[in-house]
C-alpha atoms as a PDB file:
ATOM      1  CA  UNK A   1      84.452 138.678 177.911  1.00  0.00           C
ATOM      2  CA  UNK A   2      86.212 135.360 178.522  1.00  0.00           C
ATOM      3  CA  UNK A   3      85.165 131.718 178.130  1.00  0.00           C
ATOM      4  CA  UNK A   4      83.772 131.477 181.668  1.00  0.00           C
ATOM      5  CA  UNK A   5      81.690 134.615 181.233  1.00  0.00           C
ATOM      6  CA  UNK A   6      80.349 133.325 177.925  1.00  0.00           C
ATOM      7  CA  UNK A   7      79.440 130.010 179.539  1.00  0.00           C
ATOM      8  CA  UNK A   8      77.718 131.887 182.383  1.00  0.00           C
ATOM      9  CA  UNK A   9      75.757 133.961 179.877  1.00  0.00           C
ATOM     10  CA  UNK A  10      74.599 130.822 178.053  1.00  0.00           C
ATOM     11  CA  UNK A  11      73.609 129.163 181.341  1.00  0.00           C
ATOM     12  CA  UNK A  12      71.593 132.246 182.315  1.00  0.00           C
ATOM     13  CA  UNK A  13      69.793 132.207 178.969  1.00  0.00           C
ATOM     14  CA  UNK A  14      68.991 128.506 179.274  1.00  0.00           C
ATOM     15  CA  UNK A  15      67.809 128.819 182.872  1.00  0.00           C
ATOM     16  CA  UNK A  16      65.447 131.635 181.923  1.00  0.00           C
ATOM     17  CA  UNK A  17      63.721 129.453 179.325  1.00  0.00           C
ATOM     18  CA  UNK A  18      63.301 126.038 180.960  1.00  0.00           C
ATOM     19  CA  UNK A  19      60.832 124.685 183.533  1.00  0.00           C
ATOM     20  CA  UNK A  20      63.426 122.429 185.182  1.00  0.00           C
ATOM     21  CA  UNK A  21      66.424 124.715 185.807  1.00  0.00           C
ATOM     22  CA  UNK A  22      68.010 122.199 188.168  1.00  0.00           C
ATOM     23  CA  UNK A  23      68.474 119.877 185.183  1.00  0.00           C
ATOM     24  CA  UNK A  24      70.333 122.320 182.917  1.00  0.00           C
ATOM     25  CA  UNK A  25      74.016 121.721 182.237  1.00  0.00           C
ATOM     26  CA  UNK A  26      76.150 123.828 179.898  1.00  0.00           C
ATOM     27  CA  UNK A  27      79.645 122.546 179.184  1.00  0.00           C
ATOM     28  CA  UNK A  28      82.436 123.746 176.977  1.00  0.00           C
ATOM     29  CA  UNK A  29      83.580 120.844 174.835  1.00  0.00           C
ATOM     30  CA  UNK A  30      87.101 120.402 173.448  1.00  0.00           C
ATOM     31  CA  UNK A  31      87.699 121.242 169.792  1.00  0.00           C
ATOM     32  CA  UNK A  32      90.464 120.554 167.326  1.00  0.00           C
ATOM     33  CA  UNK A  33      90.222 124.117 166.009  1.00  0.00           C
ATOM     34  CA  UNK A  34      91.583 126.886 168.233  1.00  0.00           C
ATOM     35  CA  UNK A  35      89.321 129.429 166.524  1.00  0.00           C
ATOM     36  CA  UNK A  36      86.178 127.630 167.631  1.00  0.00           C
ATOM     37  CA  UNK A  37      84.331 127.117 170.933  1.00  0.00           C
ATOM     38  CA  UNK A  38      81.729 124.364 171.291  1.00  0.00           C
ATOM     39  CA  UNK A  39      79.114 124.461 174.028  1.00  0.00           C
ATOM     40  CA  UNK A  40      76.943 121.477 174.859  1.00  0.00           C
ATOM     41  CA  UNK A  41      73.560 122.098 176.512  1.00  0.00           C
ATOM     42  CA  UNK A  42      71.969 119.179 178.325  1.00  0.00           C
ATOM     43  CA  UNK A  43      68.339 119.819 179.302  1.00  0.00           C
ATOM     44  CA  UNK A  44      65.414 117.852 180.690  1.00  0.00           C
ATOM     45  CA  UNK A  45      63.392 116.023 178.030  1.00  0.00           C
ATOM     46  CA  UNK A  46      60.343 118.145 178.928  1.00  0.00           C
ATOM     47  CA  UNK A  47      62.292 121.370 178.261  1.00  0.00           C
ATOM     48  CA  UNK A  48      63.623 120.455 174.837  1.00  0.00           C
ATOM     49  CA  UNK A  49      60.716 122.166 173.075  1.00  0.00           C
ATOM     50  CA  UNK A  50      61.264 125.349 175.083  1.00  0.00           C
ATOM     51  CA  UNK A  51      64.983 125.398 174.295  1.00  0.00           C
ATOM     52  CA  UNK A  52      64.359 124.992 170.581  1.00  0.00           C
ATOM     53  CA  UNK A  53      61.264 127.206 170.471  1.00  0.00           C
ATOM     54  CA  UNK A  54      58.643 127.571 167.796  1.00  0.00           C
ATOM     55  CA  UNK A  55      60.263 127.022 164.394  1.00  0.00           C
ATOM     56  CA  UNK A  56      63.649 126.939 166.139  1.00  0.00           C
ATOM     57  CA  UNK A  57      63.491 130.619 167.081  1.00  0.00           C
ATOM     58  CA  UNK A  58      64.813 130.215 170.642  1.00  0.00           C
ATOM     59  CA  UNK A  59      67.755 128.046 169.588  1.00  0.00           C
ATOM     60  CA  UNK A  60      68.541 130.512 166.812  1.00  0.00           C
ATOM     61  CA  UNK A  61      68.406 133.440 169.263  1.00  0.00           C
ATOM     62  CA  UNK A  62      70.758 131.678 171.696  1.00  0.00           C
ATOM     63  CA  UNK A  63      73.155 130.886 168.853  1.00  0.00           C
ATOM     64  CA  UNK A  64      73.052 134.497 167.642  1.00  0.00           C
ATOM     65  CA  UNK A  65      73.881 135.838 171.102  1.00  0.00           C
ATOM     66  CA  UNK A  66      76.660 133.254 171.529  1.00  0.00           C
ATOM     67  CA  UNK A  67      78.167 134.105 168.146  1.00  0.00           C
ATOM     68  CA  UNK A  68      78.096 137.824 168.929  1.00  0.00           C
ATOM     69  CA  UNK A  69      79.856 137.228 172.246  1.00  0.00           C
ATOM     70  CA  UNK A  70      82.317 134.882 170.540  1.00  0.00           C
ATOM     71  CA  UNK A  71      83.328 137.617 168.123  1.00  0.00           C
ATOM     72  CA  UNK A  72      84.610 139.595 171.113  1.00  0.00           C
ATOM     73  CA  UNK A  73      86.926 136.636 171.766  1.00  0.00           C
ATOM     74  CA  UNK A  74      87.833 136.310 168.102  1.00  0.00           C
ATOM     75  CA  UNK A  75      86.283 132.845 167.978  1.00  0.00           C
ATOM     76  CA  UNK A  76      83.348 131.117 166.343  1.00  0.00           C
ATOM     77  CA  UNK A  77      80.855 129.595 168.780  1.00  0.00           C
ATOM     78  CA  UNK A  78      78.838 126.451 168.133  1.00  0.00           C
ATOM     79  CA  UNK A  79      75.909 125.305 170.245  1.00  0.00           C
ATOM     80  CA  UNK A  80      74.589 121.749 170.612  1.00  0.00           C
ATOM     81  CA  UNK A  81      71.343 121.129 172.537  1.00  0.00           C
ATOM     82  CA  UNK A  82      70.458 117.616 173.753  1.00  0.00           C
ATOM     83  CA  UNK A  83      67.879 116.112 176.083  1.00  0.00           C
ATOM     84  CA  UNK A  84      68.329 113.444 178.724  1.00  0.00           C
END
């Protein structure tokens, strides 16, 4: 798995959860640490609750999947979810 595949996986996960898939953006953000990958999710305000989930379960699940995939790359993955 490479960075682009990981980003595609995260986009697929986000698109499967939201009501406004046309509004979803997932970007890899620059980091100072080479052992870390940061992804920034930008979702519609109405979808923020779906992305986070009840008691944060959806966000936690997405982070768990991202971290597992990141281990294949030998990197730690961080996820940031914001609304617009």
